[in-house]
């Protein structure tokens, strides 16, 4: 089996036909057909179903394509590692960051890595924990900083930080910040929160249900970046990780909430994946940044 055989199969599935795959691979259709014939002969099963509309993978074909894509990513990582060892400033790294942590982590992370390796291409995805974990499992992301715990044997989970959840209120709010307030007191106010399927929203709702409180959420926001502005404008109050709130935000103040458990941040990687040199540099920088935020005891 040769890599070009797998490359031809992936191209056909992605382009939908042998002709289009040949164009992408800068070859002729007969070469692509022969490569697929050899691959099917070696594996002993059909990988594609041919029709007038083009070509579609069989069930086995889909499994082979998924494996071929992982092999291609490993090959690219190998080439990047060799280039880095040779002293070339090239390579690729990918990392996912949950939205509540991206504000304080991403700008410094990118700035530091660009200074250390200006020729490396970095891809940073911001999203929900579920979406980022799926990206790591599928091999689209090398690693991701998400909220834990993550119950999946295919992943390695590394605890990074426990984030304190706090109430976010406008300056004019009657809620006092001199001492921790009960969650029930916060819940009496209209709330500005992420959408119902957001992990942070679910965590807060579960904590509220545990003390017999139901949240009133008239305003739902995808992500957290606009929540502070809406609270400052008097649209309601919110509950966010302390690290997600900008320092010295005008018109806002935070209040401690009694009995609300912290939020756990973890770094996940696929158990069978090998991080490239560039990805390891990302990991080291993330760990250093987190360590700088954890109070020394």
C-alpha atoms as a PDB file:
ATOM      1  CA  UNK A   1       0.000   0.000   0.000  1.00  0.00           C
ATOM      2  CA  UNK A   2       1.346   3.413  -0.968  1.00  0.00           C
ATOM      3  CA  UNK A   3       0.382   6.808   0.355  1.00  0.00           C
ATOM      4  CA  UNK A   4      -0.670   7.923  -3.145  1.00  0.00           C
ATOM      5  CA  UNK A   5      -3.351   5.207  -3.132  1.00  0.00           C
ATOM      6  CA  UNK A   6      -4.892   6.649   0.033  1.00  0.00           C
ATOM      7  CA  UNK A   7      -4.468  10.174  -1.301  1.00  0.00           C
ATOM      8  CA  UNK A   8      -6.403   9.220  -4.444  1.00  0.00           C
ATOM      9  CA  UNK A   9      -9.234   7.694  -2.381  1.00  0.00           C
ATOM     10  CA  UNK A  10      -9.573  10.801  -0.202  1.00  0.00           C
ATOM     11  CA  UNK A  11      -9.551  13.058  -3.267  1.00  0.00           C
ATOM     12  CA  UNK A  12     -12.334  11.062  -4.932  1.00  0.00           C
ATOM     13  CA  UNK A  13     -14.525  11.184  -1.821  1.00  0.00           C
ATOM     14  CA  UNK A  14     -13.919  14.907  -1.320  1.00  0.00           C
ATOM     15  CA  UNK A  15     -14.386  15.853  -4.987  1.00  0.00           C
ATOM     16  CA  UNK A  16     -17.186  13.390  -5.796  1.00  0.00           C
ATOM     17  CA  UNK A  17     -15.714  11.859  -8.966  1.00  0.00           C
ATOM     18  CA  UNK A  18     -12.611  10.279 -10.455  1.00  0.00           C
ATOM     19  CA  UNK A  19     -12.296  13.086 -13.004  1.00  0.00           C
ATOM     20  CA  UNK A  20     -12.359  15.876 -10.414  1.00  0.00           C
ATOM     21  CA  UNK A  21      -9.945  13.946  -8.181  1.00  0.00           C
ATOM     22  CA  UNK A  22      -7.519  13.614 -11.107  1.00  0.00           C
ATOM     23  CA  UNK A  23      -7.642  17.374 -11.626  1.00  0.00           C
ATOM     24  CA  UNK A  24      -6.885  18.044  -7.957  1.00  0.00           C
ATOM     25  CA  UNK A  25      -3.996  15.541  -7.994  1.00  0.00           C
ATOM     26  CA  UNK A  26      -2.625  16.919 -11.291  1.00  0.00           C
ATOM     27  CA  UNK A  27      -2.839  13.562 -13.038  1.00  0.00           C
ATOM     28  CA  UNK A  28      -5.123  11.710 -15.440  1.00  0.00           C
ATOM     29  CA  UNK A  29      -8.236   9.751 -14.585  1.00  0.00           C
ATOM     30  CA  UNK A  30      -6.722   6.427 -15.638  1.00  0.00           C
ATOM     31  CA  UNK A  31      -3.981   6.828 -13.026  1.00  0.00           C
ATOM     32  CA  UNK A  32      -6.532   7.513 -10.289  1.00  0.00           C
ATOM     33  CA  UNK A  33      -8.617   4.492 -11.365  1.00  0.00           C
ATOM     34  CA  UNK A  34      -5.542   2.251 -11.291  1.00  0.00           C
ATOM     35  CA  UNK A  35      -4.545   3.440  -7.819  1.00  0.00           C
ATOM     36  CA  UNK A  36      -8.016   2.654  -6.487  1.00  0.00           C
ATOM     37  CA  UNK A  37      -7.982  -0.740  -8.226  1.00  0.00           C
ATOM     38  CA  UNK A  38      -4.675  -1.611  -6.550  1.00  0.00           C
ATOM     39  CA  UNK A  39      -5.905  -0.409  -3.142  1.00  0.00           C
ATOM     40  CA  UNK A  40      -9.159  -2.396  -3.379  1.00  0.00           C
ATOM     41  CA  UNK A  41      -7.223  -5.467  -4.513  1.00  0.00           C
ATOM     42  CA  UNK A  42      -4.850  -5.233  -1.575  1.00  0.00           C
ATOM     43  CA  UNK A  43      -7.633  -4.734   0.972  1.00  0.00           C
ATOM     44  CA  UNK A  44      -9.896  -7.282  -0.697  1.00  0.00           C
ATOM     45  CA  UNK A  45     -13.050  -5.149  -0.476  1.00  0.00           C
ATOM     46  CA  UNK A  46     -14.739  -2.487  -2.641  1.00  0.00           C
ATOM     47  CA  UNK A  47     -14.166   1.027  -1.343  1.00  0.00           C
ATOM     48  CA  UNK A  48     -16.271   3.042  -3.773  1.00  0.00           C
ATOM     49  CA  UNK A  49     -19.664   2.727  -5.412  1.00  0.00           C
ATOM     50  CA  UNK A  50     -19.549   4.131  -8.936  1.00  0.00           C
ATOM     51  CA  UNK A  51     -22.595   5.634 -10.609  1.00  0.00           C
ATOM     52  CA  UNK A  52     -23.508   8.233 -13.203  1.00  0.00           C
ATOM     53  CA  UNK A  53     -23.521  10.831 -10.446  1.00  0.00           C
ATOM     54  CA  UNK A  54     -19.927  10.090  -9.503  1.00  0.00           C
ATOM     55  CA  UNK A  55     -18.456   7.952  -6.746  1.00  0.00           C
ATOM     56  CA  UNK A  56     -19.438   7.438  -3.118  1.00  0.00           C
ATOM     57  CA  UNK A  57     -17.597   5.498  -0.415  1.00  0.00           C
ATOM     58  CA  UNK A  58     -18.873   2.171   0.883  1.00  0.00           C
ATOM     59  CA  UNK A  59     -19.066   1.640   4.624  1.00  0.00           C
ATOM     60  CA  UNK A  60     -15.549   0.187   4.543  1.00  0.00           C
ATOM     61  CA  UNK A  61     -14.492   3.027   2.255  1.00  0.00           C
ATOM     62  CA  UNK A  62     -15.599   5.619   4.813  1.00  0.00           C
ATOM     63  CA  UNK A  63     -13.520   3.901   7.487  1.00  0.00           C
ATOM     64  CA  UNK A  64     -10.469   3.808   5.205  1.00  0.00           C
ATOM     65  CA  UNK A  65     -10.925   7.486   4.295  1.00  0.00           C
ATOM     66  CA  UNK A  66     -11.041   8.472   7.978  1.00  0.00           C
ATOM     67  CA  UNK A  67      -7.843   6.518   8.621  1.00  0.00           C
ATOM     68  CA  UNK A  68      -6.216   7.967   5.492  1.00  0.00           C
ATOM     69  CA  UNK A  69      -6.911  11.509   6.683  1.00  0.00           C
ATOM     70  CA  UNK A  70      -5.284  10.756  10.018  1.00  0.00           C
ATOM     71  CA  UNK A  71      -2.273   9.293   8.221  1.00  0.00           C
ATOM     72  CA  UNK A  72      -2.041  12.459   6.103  1.00  0.00           C
ATOM     73  CA  UNK A  73      -2.060  14.612   9.228  1.00  0.00           C
ATOM     74  CA  UNK A  74       0.645  12.459  10.806  1.00  0.00           C
ATOM     75  CA  UNK A  75       2.726  12.757   7.642  1.00  0.00           C
ATOM     76  CA  UNK A  76       2.385  16.543   7.684  1.00  0.00           C
ATOM     77  CA  UNK A  77       3.362  16.569  11.349  1.00  0.00           C
ATOM     78  CA  UNK A  78       6.392  14.402  10.618  1.00  0.00           C
ATOM     79  CA  UNK A  79       7.544  16.743   7.850  1.00  0.00           C
ATOM     80  CA  UNK A  80       7.062  19.745  10.142  1.00  0.00           C
ATOM     81  CA  UNK A  81       9.074  18.079  12.911  1.00  0.00           C
ATOM     82  CA  UNK A  82      11.907  17.224  10.560  1.00  0.00           C
ATOM     83  CA  UNK A  83      11.923  20.792   9.266  1.00  0.00           C
ATOM     84  CA  UNK A  84      11.983  22.172  12.812  1.00  0.00           C
ATOM     85  CA  UNK A  85      14.848  19.890  13.792  1.00  0.00           C
ATOM     86  CA  UNK A  86      16.708  21.126  10.731  1.00  0.00           C
ATOM     87  CA  UNK A  87      16.354  24.658  12.090  1.00  0.00           C
ATOM     88  CA  UNK A  88      13.579  25.877   9.766  1.00  0.00           C
ATOM     89  CA  UNK A  89      10.879  28.057  11.277  1.00  0.00           C
ATOM     90  CA  UNK A  90       7.989  26.150   9.764  1.00  0.00           C
ATOM     91  CA  UNK A  91       5.248  23.851  10.979  1.00  0.00           C
ATOM     92  CA  UNK A  92       1.606  23.859  12.010  1.00  0.00           C
ATOM     93  CA  UNK A  93      -0.176  23.819  15.347  1.00  0.00           C
ATOM     94  CA  UNK A  94      -3.863  23.757  16.235  1.00  0.00           C
ATOM     95  CA  UNK A  95      -5.608  24.334  19.545  1.00  0.00           C
ATOM     96  CA  UNK A  96      -9.179  24.880  20.693  1.00  0.00           C
ATOM     97  CA  UNK A  97     -10.127  27.246  23.511  1.00  0.00           C
ATOM     98  CA  UNK A  98     -13.487  27.440  25.255  1.00  0.00           C
ATOM     99  CA  UNK A  99     -15.000  30.903  24.898  1.00  0.00           C
ATOM    100  CA  UNK A 100     -14.880  31.825  28.585  1.00  0.00           C
ATOM    101  CA  UNK A 101     -11.080  31.395  28.635  1.00  0.00           C
ATOM    102  CA  UNK A 102     -10.196  32.803  25.218  1.00  0.00           C
ATOM    103  CA  UNK A 103     -10.253  36.455  26.329  1.00  0.00           C
ATOM    104  CA  UNK A 104      -7.317  36.128  28.705  1.00  0.00           C
ATOM    105  CA  UNK A 105      -5.472  33.278  27.027  1.00  0.00           C
ATOM    106  CA  UNK A 106      -5.527  33.718  23.236  1.00  0.00           C
ATOM    107  CA  UNK A 107      -3.943  37.185  22.777  1.00  0.00           C
ATOM    108  CA  UNK A 108      -0.954  36.416  25.004  1.00  0.00           C
ATOM    109  CA  UNK A 109      -0.627  32.897  23.578  1.00  0.00           C
ATOM    110  CA  UNK A 110      -0.525  34.115  19.982  1.00  0.00           C
ATOM    111  CA  UNK A 111       1.841  36.974  20.795  1.00  0.00           C
ATOM    112  CA  UNK A 112       4.299  34.706  22.578  1.00  0.00           C
ATOM    113  CA  UNK A 113       4.268  32.018  19.907  1.00  0.00           C
ATOM    114  CA  UNK A 114       4.685  34.514  17.092  1.00  0.00           C
ATOM    115  CA  UNK A 115       7.785  35.857  18.804  1.00  0.00           C
ATOM    116  CA  UNK A 116       9.207  32.371  19.354  1.00  0.00           C
ATOM    117  CA  UNK A 117       8.385  30.885  15.936  1.00  0.00           C
ATOM    118  CA  UNK A 118       7.213  33.490  13.407  1.00  0.00           C
ATOM    119  CA  UNK A 119       7.191  30.983  10.554  1.00  0.00           C
ATOM    120  CA  UNK A 120       4.809  28.540  12.214  1.00  0.00           C
ATOM    121  CA  UNK A 121       1.151  28.570  11.171  1.00  0.00           C
ATOM    122  CA  UNK A 122      -1.217  28.555  14.153  1.00  0.00           C
ATOM    123  CA  UNK A 123      -4.922  27.719  14.007  1.00  0.00           C
ATOM    124  CA  UNK A 124      -6.978  28.579  17.073  1.00  0.00           C
ATOM    125  CA  UNK A 125     -10.646  27.573  17.312  1.00  0.00           C
ATOM    126  CA  UNK A 126     -12.991  29.119  19.858  1.00  0.00           C
ATOM    127  CA  UNK A 127     -16.143  27.173  20.679  1.00  0.00           C
ATOM    128  CA  UNK A 128     -18.098  25.170  23.206  1.00  0.00           C
ATOM    129  CA  UNK A 129     -16.413  22.351  25.079  1.00  0.00           C
ATOM    130  CA  UNK A 130     -18.461  19.722  23.244  1.00  0.00           C
ATOM    131  CA  UNK A 131     -17.525  21.076  19.822  1.00  0.00           C
ATOM    132  CA  UNK A 132     -13.832  21.333  20.697  1.00  0.00           C
ATOM    133  CA  UNK A 133     -13.694  17.844  22.210  1.00  0.00           C
ATOM    134  CA  UNK A 134     -15.214  16.482  19.009  1.00  0.00           C
ATOM    135  CA  UNK A 135     -12.539  18.339  17.040  1.00  0.00           C
ATOM    136  CA  UNK A 136      -9.798  16.678  19.096  1.00  0.00           C
ATOM    137  CA  UNK A 137     -11.383  13.231  18.730  1.00  0.00           C
ATOM    138  CA  UNK A 138     -11.725  13.682  14.960  1.00  0.00           C
ATOM    139  CA  UNK A 139      -8.127  14.880  14.649  1.00  0.00           C
ATOM    140  CA  UNK A 140      -9.095  18.348  13.452  1.00  0.00           C
ATOM    141  CA  UNK A 141      -7.514  19.842  16.579  1.00  0.00           C
ATOM    142  CA  UNK A 142      -4.348  18.629  18.265  1.00  0.00           C
ATOM    143  CA  UNK A 143      -5.486  19.755  21.716  1.00  0.00           C
ATOM    144  CA  UNK A 144      -8.113  21.890  23.384  1.00  0.00           C
ATOM    145  CA  UNK A 145      -8.663  23.802  26.596  1.00  0.00           C
ATOM    146  CA  UNK A 146     -12.206  22.962  27.718  1.00  0.00           C
ATOM    147  CA  UNK A 147     -14.331  22.591  30.831  1.00  0.00           C
ATOM    148  CA  UNK A 148     -14.120  19.251  32.573  1.00  0.00           C
ATOM    149  CA  UNK A 149     -14.474  16.605  33.562  1.00  0.00           C
ATOM    150  CA  UNK A 150     -14.484  14.849  30.170  1.00  0.00           C
ATOM    151  CA  UNK A 151     -15.500  11.210  30.408  1.00  0.00           C
ATOM    152  CA  UNK A 152     -13.831   9.668  27.354  1.00  0.00           C
ATOM    153  CA  UNK A 153     -11.206   6.921  27.423  1.00  0.00           C
ATOM    154  CA  UNK A 154      -9.795   8.093  24.079  1.00  0.00           C
ATOM    155  CA  UNK A 155      -8.651  11.378  25.619  1.00  0.00           C
ATOM    156  CA  UNK A 156      -5.947  12.407  28.037  1.00  0.00           C
ATOM    157  CA  UNK A 157      -7.315  15.055  30.408  1.00  0.00           C
ATOM    158  CA  UNK A 158      -4.909  17.370  32.229  1.00  0.00           C
ATOM    159  CA  UNK A 159      -6.291  19.586  34.984  1.00  0.00           C
ATOM    160  CA  UNK A 160      -5.217  23.214  34.546  1.00  0.00           C
ATOM    161  CA  UNK A 161      -7.264  25.573  36.677  1.00  0.00           C
ATOM    162  CA  UNK A 162     -10.384  25.921  38.804  1.00  0.00           C
ATOM    163  CA  UNK A 163     -12.274  29.072  37.817  1.00  0.00           C
ATOM    164  CA  UNK A 164     -14.413  30.838  40.399  1.00  0.00           C
ATOM    165  CA  UNK A 165     -17.927  31.646  39.161  1.00  0.00           C
ATOM    166  CA  UNK A 166     -19.110  35.121  40.213  1.00  0.00           C
ATOM    167  CA  UNK A 167     -22.154  37.288  39.804  1.00  0.00           C
ATOM    168  CA  UNK A 168     -21.845  40.147  37.328  1.00  0.00           C
ATOM    169  CA  UNK A 169     -24.095  43.123  38.125  1.00  0.00           C
ATOM    170  CA  UNK A 170     -24.355  46.763  37.013  1.00  0.00           C
ATOM    171  CA  UNK A 171     -22.934  49.396  39.330  1.00  0.00           C
ATOM    172  CA  UNK A 172     -26.458  50.551  40.230  1.00  0.00           C
ATOM    173  CA  UNK A 173     -27.617  47.090  41.311  1.00  0.00           C
ATOM    174  CA  UNK A 174     -28.992  46.828  44.874  1.00  0.00           C
ATOM    175  CA  UNK A 175     -27.129  43.525  45.276  1.00  0.00           C
ATOM    176  CA  UNK A 176     -24.320  44.113  47.743  1.00  0.00           C
ATOM    177  CA  UNK A 177     -20.835  42.808  47.073  1.00  0.00           C
ATOM    178  CA  UNK A 178     -19.557  43.104  50.627  1.00  0.00           C
ATOM    179  CA  UNK A 179     -20.147  39.413  51.356  1.00  0.00           C
ATOM    180  CA  UNK A 180     -21.053  36.311  49.327  1.00  0.00           C
ATOM    181  CA  UNK A 181     -24.712  36.392  48.336  1.00  0.00           C
ATOM    182  CA  UNK A 182     -26.991  33.364  47.977  1.00  0.00           C
ATOM    183  CA  UNK A 183     -27.616  32.099  44.463  1.00  0.00           C
ATOM    184  CA  UNK A 184     -31.324  32.618  45.156  1.00  0.00           C
ATOM    185  CA  UNK A 185     -30.703  36.367  45.503  1.00  0.00           C
ATOM    186  CA  UNK A 186     -29.016  36.567  42.110  1.00  0.00           C
ATOM    187  CA  UNK A 187     -31.796  34.451  40.587  1.00  0.00           C
ATOM    188  CA  UNK A 188     -34.451  37.017  41.591  1.00  0.00           C
ATOM    189  CA  UNK A 189     -33.059  39.325  38.890  1.00  0.00           C
ATOM    190  CA  UNK A 190     -33.567  38.866  35.130  1.00  0.00           C
ATOM    191  CA  UNK A 191     -30.454  37.191  33.794  1.00  0.00           C
ATOM    192  CA  UNK A 192     -28.300  37.525  30.682  1.00  0.00           C
ATOM    193  CA  UNK A 193     -26.783  34.103  30.011  1.00  0.00           C
ATOM    194  CA  UNK A 194     -25.433  31.915  27.199  1.00  0.00           C
ATOM    195  CA  UNK A 195     -27.895  29.754  25.308  1.00  0.00           C
ATOM    196  CA  UNK A 196     -29.624  26.802  26.969  1.00  0.00           C
ATOM    197  CA  UNK A 197     -27.245  24.149  25.585  1.00  0.00           C
ATOM    198  CA  UNK A 198     -24.116  26.039  26.684  1.00  0.00           C
ATOM    199  CA  UNK A 199     -22.066  24.114  29.310  1.00  0.00           C
ATOM    200  CA  UNK A 200     -21.746  27.179  31.558  1.00  0.00           C
ATOM    201  CA  UNK A 201     -25.505  27.735  31.452  1.00  0.00           C
ATOM    202  CA  UNK A 202     -26.111  24.080  32.283  1.00  0.00           C
ATOM    203  CA  UNK A 203     -23.700  24.212  35.228  1.00  0.00           C
ATOM    204  CA  UNK A 204     -25.400  27.287  36.693  1.00  0.00           C
ATOM    205  CA  UNK A 205     -28.878  25.805  36.163  1.00  0.00           C
ATOM    206  CA  UNK A 206     -27.845  22.567  37.898  1.00  0.00           C
ATOM    207  CA  UNK A 207     -26.475  24.517  40.869  1.00  0.00           C
ATOM    208  CA  UNK A 208     -29.698  26.528  41.021  1.00  0.00           C
ATOM    209  CA  UNK A 209     -31.872  23.413  40.838  1.00  0.00           C
ATOM    210  CA  UNK A 210     -29.879  21.891  43.705  1.00  0.00           C
ATOM    211  CA  UNK A 211     -31.041  24.722  45.988  1.00  0.00           C
ATOM    212  CA  UNK A 212     -34.581  24.794  44.604  1.00  0.00           C
ATOM    213  CA  UNK A 213     -34.122  27.921  42.480  1.00  0.00           C
ATOM    214  CA  UNK A 214     -35.316  28.477  38.911  1.00  0.00           C
ATOM    215  CA  UNK A 215     -33.469  31.014  36.766  1.00  0.00           C
ATOM    216  CA  UNK A 216     -35.278  33.652  34.728  1.00  0.00           C
ATOM    217  CA  UNK A 217     -33.267  34.164  31.526  1.00  0.00           C
ATOM    218  CA  UNK A 218     -35.050  36.597  29.190  1.00  0.00           C
ATOM    219  CA  UNK A 219     -31.875  37.300  27.200  1.00  0.00           C
ATOM    220  CA  UNK A 220     -29.717  34.529  25.751  1.00  0.00           C
ATOM    221  CA  UNK A 221     -26.388  35.212  24.035  1.00  0.00           C
ATOM    222  CA  UNK A 222     -24.253  32.845  21.975  1.00  0.00           C
ATOM    223  CA  UNK A 223     -20.856  33.150  23.625  1.00  0.00           C
ATOM    224  CA  UNK A 224     -19.929  35.506  26.444  1.00  0.00           C
ATOM    225  CA  UNK A 225     -18.303  38.550  24.833  1.00  0.00           C
ATOM    226  CA  UNK A 226     -21.467  40.694  24.775  1.00  0.00           C
ATOM    227  CA  UNK A 227     -22.780  39.679  28.184  1.00  0.00           C
ATOM    228  CA  UNK A 228     -20.777  42.305  30.095  1.00  0.00           C
ATOM    229  CA  UNK A 229     -21.961  45.109  27.806  1.00  0.00           C
ATOM    230  CA  UNK A 230     -25.595  44.066  28.228  1.00  0.00           C
ATOM    231  CA  UNK A 231     -25.301  43.859  32.014  1.00  0.00           C
ATOM    232  CA  UNK A 232     -23.657  47.305  32.118  1.00  0.00           C
ATOM    233  CA  UNK A 233     -26.550  48.627  30.007  1.00  0.00           C
ATOM    234  CA  UNK A 234     -29.048  47.424  32.623  1.00  0.00           C
ATOM    235  CA  UNK A 235     -30.406  44.404  30.751  1.00  0.00           C
ATOM    236  CA  UNK A 236     -30.007  42.141  33.776  1.00  0.00           C
ATOM    237  CA  UNK A 237     -27.329  40.311  35.751  1.00  0.00           C
ATOM    238  CA  UNK A 238     -25.187  37.312  34.884  1.00  0.00           C
ATOM    239  CA  UNK A 239     -22.962  34.591  36.300  1.00  0.00           C
ATOM    240  CA  UNK A 240     -19.595  34.108  34.602  1.00  0.00           C
ATOM    241  CA  UNK A 241     -16.150  32.687  35.322  1.00  0.00           C
ATOM    242  CA  UNK A 242     -14.083  35.366  37.010  1.00  0.00           C
ATOM    243  CA  UNK A 243     -11.387  35.068  34.320  1.00  0.00           C
ATOM    244  CA  UNK A 244     -13.924  35.846  31.563  1.00  0.00           C
ATOM    245  CA  UNK A 245     -14.659  39.327  32.950  1.00  0.00           C
ATOM    246  CA  UNK A 246     -12.366  42.156  31.767  1.00  0.00           C
ATOM    247  CA  UNK A 247     -10.544  43.996  34.517  1.00  0.00           C
ATOM    248  CA  UNK A 248     -11.825  47.495  35.282  1.00  0.00           C
ATOM    249  CA  UNK A 249     -14.922  46.971  33.098  1.00  0.00           C
ATOM    250  CA  UNK A 250     -16.878  50.245  33.224  1.00  0.00           C
ATOM    251  CA  UNK A 251     -20.341  50.119  34.761  1.00  0.00           C
ATOM    252  CA  UNK A 252     -19.856  46.635  36.200  1.00  0.00           C
ATOM    253  CA  UNK A 253     -18.909  44.979  39.446  1.00  0.00           C
ATOM    254  CA  UNK A 254     -18.685  41.398  40.599  1.00  0.00           C
ATOM    255  CA  UNK A 255     -20.151  39.705  43.648  1.00  0.00           C
ATOM    256  CA  UNK A 256     -19.171  36.409  45.219  1.00  0.00           C
ATOM    257  CA  UNK A 257     -21.899  33.746  45.233  1.00  0.00           C
ATOM    258  CA  UNK A 258     -22.304  31.508  48.253  1.00  0.00           C
ATOM    259  CA  UNK A 259     -21.977  27.781  47.621  1.00  0.00           C
ATOM    260  CA  UNK A 260     -21.456  27.920  43.849  1.00  0.00           C
ATOM    261  CA  UNK A 261     -18.839  25.299  42.872  1.00  0.00           C
ATOM    262  CA  UNK A 262     -15.879  26.377  40.712  1.00  0.00           C
ATOM    263  CA  UNK A 263     -15.529  25.553  37.049  1.00  0.00           C
ATOM    264  CA  UNK A 264     -12.771  23.120  36.101  1.00  0.00           C
ATOM    265  CA  UNK A 265     -10.558  23.876  33.083  1.00  0.00           C
ATOM    266  CA  UNK A 266      -8.681  20.972  31.505  1.00  0.00           C
ATOM    267  CA  UNK A 267      -6.405  20.454  28.512  1.00  0.00           C
ATOM    268  CA  UNK A 268      -7.381  17.433  26.400  1.00  0.00           C
ATOM    269  CA  UNK A 269      -5.416  15.545  23.757  1.00  0.00           C
ATOM    270  CA  UNK A 270      -6.202  12.323  21.951  1.00  0.00           C
ATOM    271  CA  UNK A 271      -4.538   9.365  23.658  1.00  0.00           C
ATOM    272  CA  UNK A 272      -3.173   7.894  20.415  1.00  0.00           C
ATOM    273  CA  UNK A 273      -1.966  11.204  18.934  1.00  0.00           C
ATOM    274  CA  UNK A 274       1.604  12.432  18.727  1.00  0.00           C
ATOM    275  CA  UNK A 275       1.957  16.199  19.174  1.00  0.00           C
ATOM    276  CA  UNK A 276       4.201  17.957  16.690  1.00  0.00           C
ATOM    277  CA  UNK A 277       7.022  20.184  17.897  1.00  0.00           C
ATOM    278  CA  UNK A 278       4.827  23.229  17.192  1.00  0.00           C
ATOM    279  CA  UNK A 279       1.910  21.701  19.114  1.00  0.00           C
ATOM    280  CA  UNK A 280       4.195  20.927  22.048  1.00  0.00           C
ATOM    281  CA  UNK A 281       5.300  24.569  22.045  1.00  0.00           C
ATOM    282  CA  UNK A 282       1.629  25.593  22.285  1.00  0.00           C
ATOM    283  CA  UNK A 283       1.076  23.202  25.168  1.00  0.00           C
ATOM    284  CA  UNK A 284       4.126  24.481  27.058  1.00  0.00           C
ATOM    285  CA  UNK A 285       3.000  28.087  26.622  1.00  0.00           C
ATOM    286  CA  UNK A 286      -0.555  27.324  27.775  1.00  0.00           C
ATOM    287  CA  UNK A 287       0.774  25.574  30.895  1.00  0.00           C
ATOM    288  CA  UNK A 288       3.080  28.505  31.642  1.00  0.00           C
ATOM    289  CA  UNK A 289       0.250  31.028  31.262  1.00  0.00           C
ATOM    290  CA  UNK A 290      -2.075  29.019  33.498  1.00  0.00           C
ATOM    291  CA  UNK A 291       0.647  28.593  36.124  1.00  0.00           C
ATOM    292  CA  UNK A 292       1.097  32.384  36.197  1.00  0.00           C
ATOM    293  CA  UNK A 293      -2.613  32.820  36.970  1.00  0.00           C
ATOM    294  CA  UNK A 294      -2.812  30.280  39.789  1.00  0.00           C
ATOM    295  CA  UNK A 295      -2.223  32.004  43.156  1.00  0.00           C
ATOM    296  CA  UNK A 296       0.907  30.782  44.928  1.00  0.00           C
ATOM    297  CA  UNK A 297       0.180  29.172  48.281  1.00  0.00           C
END
